[in-house]
């Protein structure tokens, strides 16, 4: 590599698409010879075992008695500056505008040199937080003070510019999958624990927040299971889970639904399924749908945010307006009853995941952005994804 870099990455380290993408990107950059320093309050959950060229720096928050709330943002900014100085970082790549871009802005102000900042917008920092008038100005500051800003879908770029009156350019950097990890797995033995051979398996994976419309998942499944033998697997945890459990019991579906909680090996779990359900109200990209696609599992979802940029309606899955559970269920039944149609959708999804959203191309795109903000000339072109 002509120009190996030292990069600080900050993300939400717990379950969630932004943390997954940030961690996977860091691992891929490290494989290419860059030195990666994760700066967060805990170890990113997808980081796993030891990786060459990857270091973790824990943010410790002061518990000084006069603070009503622990000042995590200030502690993070201070840690960013400290790591950047001691490790001689070239840039900080932060995921989410608040608080991370603001913390990076503070770290940059503290730095004695021109520390560059790249901010990636993932969704709720714009689609939810930027709707709050009390936060708009600080989110706008985080974006405008960054040396480069990227977003994970065209829809998110559009919404960011409209909502915050952002006129500076925003780079499109779609989420991606590492096809060495995400591919169709042979899961017959595992599948037997949840369903009989003649039963179809539907799956939903999320953090069970209201924006995911998890009650719609249950309504869709109820309609599908009335048409054909089926089971539902729910993966993840979140505030809506008790409400979902109550709804399942009230509808008499308890024996057909399984709760798996948080799962780290998503590729293995997703490969059990025949369909993924993603009826979200807001979804900047829908990383779980891409992970499913790469494992050969079509998606039935909503026409929300960036989902239509990922799932091609009538080719790799079906989409319907938000809340149209009867229509979504109808699409699911159609796909599950027609083996030839299902096989076409499955194959089209596999090809699309491998050729349009491969990790090699997106990692190279991020590198190109890094070199641009650092003023480093490079003639490297973006690699083509392999089918």
Protein backbone atom coordinates (compact mmCIF):
# COMPACT_ATOMS: atom_id res chain seq x y z
CA UNK A 1 0.00 0.00 0.00
CA UNK A 2 1.35 3.41 -1.03
CA UNK A 3 -0.29 5.45 1.71
CA UNK A 4 -1.16 3.51 4.90
CA UNK A 5 -3.17 5.69 7.26
CA UNK A 6 -3.78 5.91 10.98
CA UNK A 7 -7.54 6.22 11.47
CA UNK A 8 -9.61 6.76 14.61
CA UNK A 9 -13.12 5.31 14.39
CA UNK A 10 -15.94 6.16 16.78
CA UNK A 11 -19.37 4.51 16.65
CA UNK A 12 -22.11 3.20 18.88
CA UNK A 13 -20.55 -0.14 19.84
CA UNK A 14 -23.76 -1.99 20.70
CA UNK A 15 -26.30 -3.68 18.44
CA UNK A 16 -27.26 -1.55 15.45
CA UNK A 17 -26.47 -1.10 11.78
CA UNK A 18 -24.15 1.89 12.19
CA UNK A 19 -21.95 0.07 14.70
CA UNK A 20 -21.86 -3.02 12.50
CA UNK A 21 -20.81 -1.06 9.42
CA UNK A 22 -18.21 0.98 11.32
CA UNK A 23 -16.68 -2.12 12.86
CA UNK A 24 -16.64 -4.13 9.63
CA UNK A 25 -15.12 -1.17 7.79
CA UNK A 26 -12.39 -0.90 10.41
CA UNK A 27 -11.58 -4.59 10.10
CA UNK A 28 -11.40 -4.39 6.30
CA UNK A 29 -9.21 -1.28 6.39
CA UNK A 30 -6.88 -3.02 8.85
CA UNK A 31 -6.61 -5.98 6.46
CA UNK A 32 -5.42 -3.55 3.80
CA UNK A 33 -2.62 -2.28 6.04
CA UNK A 34 -4.16 0.79 7.69
CA UNK A 35 -3.83 1.23 11.45
CA UNK A 36 -7.27 1.44 13.09
CA UNK A 37 -8.03 2.87 16.53
CA UNK A 38 -11.57 2.36 17.85
CA UNK A 39 -12.50 5.03 20.40
CA UNK A 40 -15.73 4.21 22.25
CA UNK A 41 -17.24 3.51 25.67
CA UNK A 42 -17.09 -0.26 25.11
CA UNK A 43 -15.67 -2.79 22.70
CA UNK A 44 -17.67 -2.88 19.42
CA UNK A 45 -19.71 -6.09 19.59
CA UNK A 46 -18.70 -7.21 16.08
CA UNK A 47 -14.99 -6.71 16.70
CA UNK A 48 -14.53 -10.12 18.28
CA UNK A 49 -11.08 -11.64 18.67
CA UNK A 50 -7.65 -10.11 18.11
CA UNK A 51 -7.11 -8.37 14.78
CA UNK A 52 -3.80 -7.18 13.39
CA UNK A 53 -3.57 -3.37 13.06
CA UNK A 54 -6.63 -2.76 15.29
CA UNK A 55 -6.53 -1.08 18.69
CA UNK A 56 -9.28 -0.20 21.16
CA UNK A 57 -9.33 2.85 23.42
CA UNK A 58 -12.00 2.93 26.13
CA UNK A 59 -13.68 6.20 27.03
CA UNK A 60 -13.96 6.55 30.79
CA UNK A 61 -16.54 8.99 32.10
CA UNK A 62 -15.90 11.10 35.19
CA UNK A 63 -18.31 10.53 38.08
CA UNK A 64 -17.50 13.85 39.77
CA UNK A 65 -20.31 14.49 42.26
CA UNK A 66 -21.40 17.89 40.89
CA UNK A 67 -22.37 16.36 37.55
CA UNK A 68 -26.06 15.51 37.41
CA UNK A 69 -25.44 13.48 34.25
CA UNK A 70 -22.10 11.82 33.38
CA UNK A 71 -20.48 14.05 30.70
CA UNK A 72 -19.80 11.32 28.12
CA UNK A 73 -19.57 13.74 25.20
CA UNK A 74 -16.78 15.76 26.83
CA UNK A 75 -14.94 12.62 27.89
CA UNK A 76 -15.19 11.26 24.33
CA UNK A 77 -13.90 14.50 22.79
CA UNK A 78 -10.98 14.54 25.22
CA UNK A 79 -10.18 10.89 24.47
CA UNK A 80 -10.33 11.53 20.72
CA UNK A 81 -7.81 14.35 21.09
CA UNK A 82 -5.59 12.26 23.34
CA UNK A 83 -5.53 9.26 21.02
CA UNK A 84 -5.03 11.46 17.95
CA UNK A 85 -2.02 13.12 19.60
CA UNK A 86 -0.40 10.02 21.11
CA UNK A 87 -0.99 7.76 18.11
CA UNK A 88 -0.41 10.50 15.51
CA UNK A 89 -3.72 9.82 13.78
CA UNK A 90 -4.31 11.13 10.27
CA UNK A 91 -8.04 11.51 10.71
CA UNK A 92 -11.12 10.67 12.75
CA UNK A 93 -13.99 8.81 11.08
CA UNK A 94 -17.11 9.20 13.20
CA UNK A 95 -20.44 7.48 12.68
CA UNK A 96 -23.51 9.59 13.59
CA UNK A 97 -23.67 13.37 13.70
CA UNK A 98 -24.56 13.57 17.38
CA UNK A 99 -22.73 13.31 19.56
CA UNK A 100 -19.81 11.91 17.59
CA UNK A 101 -19.31 14.62 14.95
CA UNK A 102 -19.59 17.28 17.64
CA UNK A 103 -17.05 15.45 19.80
CA UNK A 104 -14.72 15.19 16.81
CA UNK A 105 -15.17 18.92 16.19
CA UNK A 106 -14.09 19.61 19.78
CA UNK A 107 -11.13 17.23 19.43
CA UNK A 108 -10.11 19.03 16.26
CA UNK A 109 -10.31 22.39 18.05
CA UNK A 110 -8.09 21.01 20.83
CA UNK A 111 -5.56 19.57 18.41
CA UNK A 112 -2.37 21.44 17.66
CA UNK A 113 -2.46 20.23 14.05
CA UNK A 114 -5.02 20.01 11.28
CA UNK A 115 -6.82 16.84 12.35
CA UNK A 116 -9.27 15.82 9.63
CA UNK A 117 -12.79 14.57 10.38
CA UNK A 118 -15.03 12.37 8.21
CA UNK A 119 -18.63 11.94 9.39
CA UNK A 120 -20.97 9.21 8.20
CA UNK A 121 -24.70 9.75 8.61
CA UNK A 122 -26.62 6.53 9.20
CA UNK A 123 -30.22 7.60 9.65
CA UNK A 124 -31.81 8.41 12.98
CA UNK A 125 -29.35 11.24 13.60
CA UNK A 126 -31.26 12.89 10.73
CA UNK A 127 -34.62 11.14 10.40
CA UNK A 128 -35.40 11.35 14.14
CA UNK A 129 -33.05 13.67 16.02
CA UNK A 130 -32.93 16.39 13.37
CA UNK A 131 -36.73 16.66 13.59
CA UNK A 132 -36.19 18.14 17.07
CA UNK A 133 -35.81 21.91 16.74
CA UNK A 134 -33.61 22.01 19.87
CA UNK A 135 -31.02 19.75 18.19
CA UNK A 136 -31.05 21.03 14.62
CA UNK A 137 -28.37 23.66 15.08
CA UNK A 138 -25.89 21.36 16.78
CA UNK A 139 -26.42 18.61 14.19
CA UNK A 140 -25.89 21.18 11.44
CA UNK A 141 -22.67 22.30 13.15
CA UNK A 142 -21.38 18.72 13.33
CA UNK A 143 -22.01 18.23 9.63
CA UNK A 144 -20.63 21.57 8.45
CA UNK A 145 -17.49 21.34 10.60
CA UNK A 146 -16.56 17.95 9.10
CA UNK A 147 -14.01 17.77 6.30
CA UNK A 148 -16.16 15.23 4.48
CA UNK A 149 -19.65 13.87 5.10
CA UNK A 150 -21.03 10.61 3.77
CA UNK A 151 -24.50 9.06 3.96
CA UNK A 152 -25.71 5.51 3.42
CA UNK A 153 -28.48 6.23 0.89
CA UNK A 154 -29.62 8.84 -1.62
CA UNK A 155 -32.81 9.26 0.37
CA UNK A 156 -30.82 10.13 3.49
CA UNK A 157 -28.77 12.68 1.54
CA UNK A 158 -31.96 14.26 0.25
CA UNK A 159 -33.54 14.43 3.70
CA UNK A 160 -30.38 15.83 5.30
CA UNK A 161 -30.10 18.64 2.77
CA UNK A 162 -33.80 19.52 2.96
CA UNK A 163 -34.16 19.32 6.73
CA UNK A 164 -30.96 21.10 7.71
CA UNK A 165 -30.43 23.33 4.67
CA UNK A 166 -27.09 21.67 3.98
CA UNK A 167 -25.55 22.85 0.71
CA UNK A 168 -22.15 21.26 1.10
CA UNK A 169 -21.61 18.01 -0.87
CA UNK A 170 -22.41 14.69 0.79
CA UNK A 171 -20.80 11.51 -0.55
CA UNK A 172 -22.99 8.45 -1.13
CA UNK A 173 -21.44 5.44 0.61
CA UNK A 174 -23.89 2.56 0.68
CA UNK A 175 -23.66 -0.02 3.41
CA UNK A 176 -21.97 -3.25 2.39
CA UNK A 177 -21.47 -6.90 3.26
CA UNK A 178 -18.36 -9.02 3.44
CA UNK A 179 -19.33 -11.95 1.23
CA UNK A 180 -16.71 -14.09 2.96
CA UNK A 181 -19.04 -13.95 5.96
CA UNK A 182 -22.47 -13.44 4.42
CA UNK A 183 -23.39 -16.27 2.07
CA UNK A 184 -26.05 -19.01 2.12
CA UNK A 185 -25.23 -21.41 4.95
CA UNK A 186 -26.25 -25.05 5.23
CA UNK A 187 -28.52 -24.90 8.29
CA UNK A 188 -30.76 -27.98 8.14
CA UNK A 189 -29.91 -29.17 11.62
CA UNK A 190 -30.38 -25.74 13.17
CA UNK A 191 -33.59 -25.15 11.25
CA UNK A 192 -35.04 -28.39 12.63
CA UNK A 193 -35.05 -26.81 16.09
CA UNK A 194 -37.65 -24.27 14.94
CA UNK A 195 -39.65 -25.69 12.05
CA UNK A 196 -40.74 -28.88 10.35
CA UNK A 197 -39.53 -29.43 6.77
CA UNK A 198 -42.92 -28.43 5.31
CA UNK A 199 -43.10 -25.18 7.32
CA UNK A 200 -41.84 -21.81 6.12
CA UNK A 201 -39.69 -19.62 8.37
CA UNK A 202 -40.17 -15.86 8.51
CA UNK A 203 -37.71 -13.69 10.40
CA UNK A 204 -37.44 -10.16 11.78
CA UNK A 205 -34.19 -8.69 13.13
CA UNK A 206 -34.07 -5.27 14.78
CA UNK A 207 -33.63 -3.29 17.99
CA UNK A 208 -37.42 -3.40 18.52
CA UNK A 209 -38.03 0.34 18.60
CA UNK A 210 -41.36 1.88 17.51
CA UNK A 211 -39.83 3.03 14.21
CA UNK A 212 -39.39 -0.64 13.23
CA UNK A 213 -43.19 -1.22 13.45
CA UNK A 214 -42.70 -4.63 15.02
CA UNK A 215 -46.45 -4.98 15.64
CA UNK A 216 -46.80 -4.97 11.86
CA UNK A 217 -44.42 -7.94 11.78
CA UNK A 218 -46.87 -9.91 13.92
CA UNK A 219 -49.86 -8.87 11.79
CA UNK A 220 -48.06 -9.94 8.60
CA UNK A 221 -47.09 -13.27 10.12
CA UNK A 222 -50.61 -13.94 11.38
CA UNK A 223 -51.98 -13.47 7.84
CA UNK A 224 -49.26 -15.64 6.31
CA UNK A 225 -49.66 -18.44 8.85
CA UNK A 226 -53.40 -18.51 8.11
CA UNK A 227 -52.51 -19.39 4.49
CA UNK A 228 -49.66 -21.86 4.97
CA UNK A 229 -47.71 -23.61 7.78
CA UNK A 230 -45.14 -21.14 9.10
CA UNK A 231 -42.98 -20.11 12.03
CA UNK A 232 -41.65 -16.68 13.02
CA UNK A 233 -38.21 -16.03 14.51
CA UNK A 234 -37.58 -12.68 16.21
CA UNK A 235 -33.96 -11.63 16.71
CA UNK A 236 -32.86 -8.68 18.84
CA UNK A 237 -34.02 -6.80 21.90
CA UNK A 238 -35.56 -3.41 22.57
CA UNK A 239 -38.30 -1.38 24.23
CA UNK A 240 -41.17 -2.76 22.12
CA UNK A 241 -40.43 -6.40 22.96
CA UNK A 242 -42.87 -6.69 25.93
CA UNK A 243 -45.67 -5.25 23.79
CA UNK A 244 -44.86 -7.73 21.02
CA UNK A 245 -44.89 -10.64 23.44
CA UNK A 246 -48.30 -9.58 24.75
CA UNK A 247 -49.68 -9.26 21.21
CA UNK A 248 -48.41 -12.70 20.26
CA UNK A 249 -50.06 -14.27 23.31
CA UNK A 250 -53.33 -12.42 22.70
CA UNK A 251 -53.42 -13.66 19.09
CA UNK A 252 -52.71 -17.27 20.12
CA UNK A 253 -49.44 -17.42 18.19
CA UNK A 254 -47.06 -18.26 21.05
CA UNK A 255 -46.25 -21.77 19.78
CA UNK A 256 -45.34 -20.43 16.37
CA UNK A 257 -42.99 -17.65 17.45
CA UNK A 258 -39.42 -17.89 18.78
CA UNK A 259 -37.45 -15.14 20.52
CA UNK A 260 -33.69 -15.46 20.04
CA UNK A 261 -32.56 -12.19 21.64
CA UNK A 262 -29.32 -10.63 20.43
CA UNK A 263 -27.26 -12.80 18.11
CA UNK A 264 -23.72 -12.11 16.94
CA UNK A 265 -23.53 -14.67 14.11
CA UNK A 266 -26.27 -13.07 12.01
CA UNK A 267 -25.25 -14.89 8.81
CA UNK A 268 -25.88 -18.27 10.43
CA UNK A 269 -29.21 -17.21 11.94
CA UNK A 270 -30.52 -15.49 8.81
CA UNK A 271 -29.78 -18.54 6.69
CA UNK A 272 -32.51 -20.41 8.60
CA UNK A 273 -35.16 -18.10 7.15
CA UNK A 274 -37.19 -18.20 3.96
CA UNK A 275 -38.20 -14.53 4.20
CA UNK A 276 -37.12 -11.43 6.08
CA UNK A 277 -39.81 -8.99 7.24
CA UNK A 278 -38.83 -5.30 7.34
CA UNK A 279 -41.97 -3.12 7.57
CA UNK A 280 -40.16 -0.11 9.10
CA UNK A 281 -41.60 3.37 9.25
CA UNK A 282 -38.14 4.88 8.73
CA UNK A 283 -35.09 3.05 7.42
CA UNK A 284 -32.14 4.98 6.02
CA UNK A 285 -30.78 1.87 4.27
CA UNK A 286 -31.85 -1.42 5.82
CA UNK A 287 -28.57 -3.25 6.44
CA UNK A 288 -30.33 -6.38 7.68
CA UNK A 289 -32.08 -6.69 4.30
CA UNK A 290 -28.69 -6.62 2.57
CA UNK A 291 -27.34 -9.23 4.98
CA UNK A 292 -30.39 -11.38 4.22
CA UNK A 293 -30.00 -10.84 0.48
CA UNK A 294 -26.37 -11.97 0.63
CA UNK A 295 -27.52 -15.14 2.43
CA UNK A 296 -30.14 -15.89 -0.23
CA UNK A 297 -33.17 -14.64 1.72
CA UNK A 298 -35.63 -12.23 0.00
CA UNK A 299 -37.19 -9.32 1.90
CA UNK A 300 -40.80 -8.25 2.28
CA UNK A 301 -40.66 -4.65 3.43
CA UNK A 302 -41.94 -1.11 3.30
CA UNK A 303 -41.27 1.67 0.82
CA UNK A 304 -39.45 3.63 3.51
CA UNK A 305 -36.27 5.68 3.20
CA UNK A 306 -33.46 3.85 1.46
CA UNK A 307 -35.07 0.39 1.34
CA UNK A 308 -36.17 0.81 -2.33
CA UNK A 309 -32.53 1.61 -3.22
CA UNK A 310 -31.58 -1.81 -1.90
CA UNK A 311 -34.56 -4.13 -2.45
CA UNK A 312 -35.74 -4.14 -6.06
CA UNK A 313 -39.51 -4.58 -5.96
CA UNK A 314 -40.58 -7.62 -7.95
CA UNK A 315 -37.00 -8.85 -8.44
CA UNK A 316 -35.22 -9.36 -5.10
CA UNK A 317 -38.22 -8.84 -2.81
CA UNK A 318 -41.53 -7.04 -2.50
CA UNK A 319 -42.30 -3.61 -1.04
CA UNK A 320 -45.53 -1.95 0.02
CA UNK A 321 -46.47 1.39 1.63
CA UNK A 322 -45.79 1.68 5.36
CA UNK A 323 -48.56 0.03 7.38
CA UNK A 324 -50.03 -1.99 4.50
CA UNK A 325 -49.64 -5.30 6.28
CA UNK A 326 -52.29 -7.10 4.23
CA UNK A 327 -50.44 -6.26 1.02
CA UNK A 328 -47.10 -7.33 2.51
CA UNK A 329 -48.61 -10.61 3.69
CA UNK A 330 -50.05 -11.20 0.23
CA UNK A 331 -46.63 -10.75 -1.33
CA UNK A 332 -45.11 -13.12 1.21
CA UNK A 333 -47.67 -15.83 0.49
CA UNK A 334 -47.19 -15.40 -3.26
CA UNK A 335 -43.45 -15.83 -2.97
CA UNK A 336 -43.56 -18.74 -0.54
CA UNK A 337 -46.09 -20.69 -2.59
CA UNK A 338 -44.29 -20.35 -5.93
CA UNK A 339 -40.99 -22.26 -5.81
CA UNK A 340 -39.83 -21.11 -9.26
CA UNK A 341 -40.54 -17.46 -8.44
CA UNK A 342 -38.81 -17.80 -5.08
CA UNK A 343 -35.71 -19.30 -6.74
CA UNK A 344 -35.52 -16.35 -9.17
CA UNK A 345 -35.79 -13.82 -6.34
CA UNK A 346 -33.17 -15.66 -4.31
CA UNK A 347 -30.67 -15.78 -7.17
CA UNK A 348 -31.28 -12.16 -8.17
CA UNK A 349 -30.68 -11.10 -4.57
CA UNK A 350 -27.43 -13.04 -4.33
CA UNK A 351 -26.13 -11.44 -7.53
CA UNK A 352 -27.18 -7.94 -6.44
CA UNK A 353 -25.52 -8.27 -3.03
CA UNK A 354 -22.29 -9.48 -4.57
CA UNK A 355 -22.09 -7.00 -7.44
CA UNK A 356 -23.61 -3.79 -6.06
CA UNK A 357 -22.82 -3.82 -2.33
CA UNK A 358 -19.54 -5.68 -1.96
CA UNK A 359 -17.10 -4.72 0.78
CA UNK A 360 -14.10 -4.36 -1.57
CA UNK A 361 -15.66 -1.52 -3.54
CA UNK A 362 -17.11 0.37 -0.56
CA UNK A 363 -13.88 0.10 1.43
CA UNK A 364 -11.97 1.53 -1.53
CA UNK A 365 -14.52 4.36 -1.76
CA UNK A 366 -13.96 5.29 1.88
CA UNK A 367 -10.19 5.20 1.26
CA UNK A 368 -10.64 7.56 -1.66
CA UNK A 369 -12.53 10.00 0.58
CA UNK A 370 -9.81 9.79 3.26
CA UNK A 371 -7.07 10.54 0.72
CA UNK A 372 -9.10 13.42 -0.69
CA UNK A 373 -9.51 15.21 2.65
CA UNK A 374 -5.83 14.63 3.45
CA UNK A 375 -4.75 16.00 0.08
CA UNK A 376 -2.99 12.77 -0.89
CA UNK A 377 -2.85 12.08 -4.62
CA UNK A 378 -3.78 8.55 -5.60
CA UNK A 379 -4.56 7.01 -8.97
CA UNK A 380 -6.22 3.91 -7.55
CA UNK A 381 -9.61 3.23 -9.15
CA UNK A 382 -12.57 1.62 -7.44
CA UNK A 383 -12.49 -2.16 -7.87
CA UNK A 384 -15.40 -3.93 -9.51
CA UNK A 385 -17.39 -6.33 -7.38
CA UNK A 386 -17.13 -9.99 -8.32
CA UNK A 387 -20.38 -11.82 -9.12
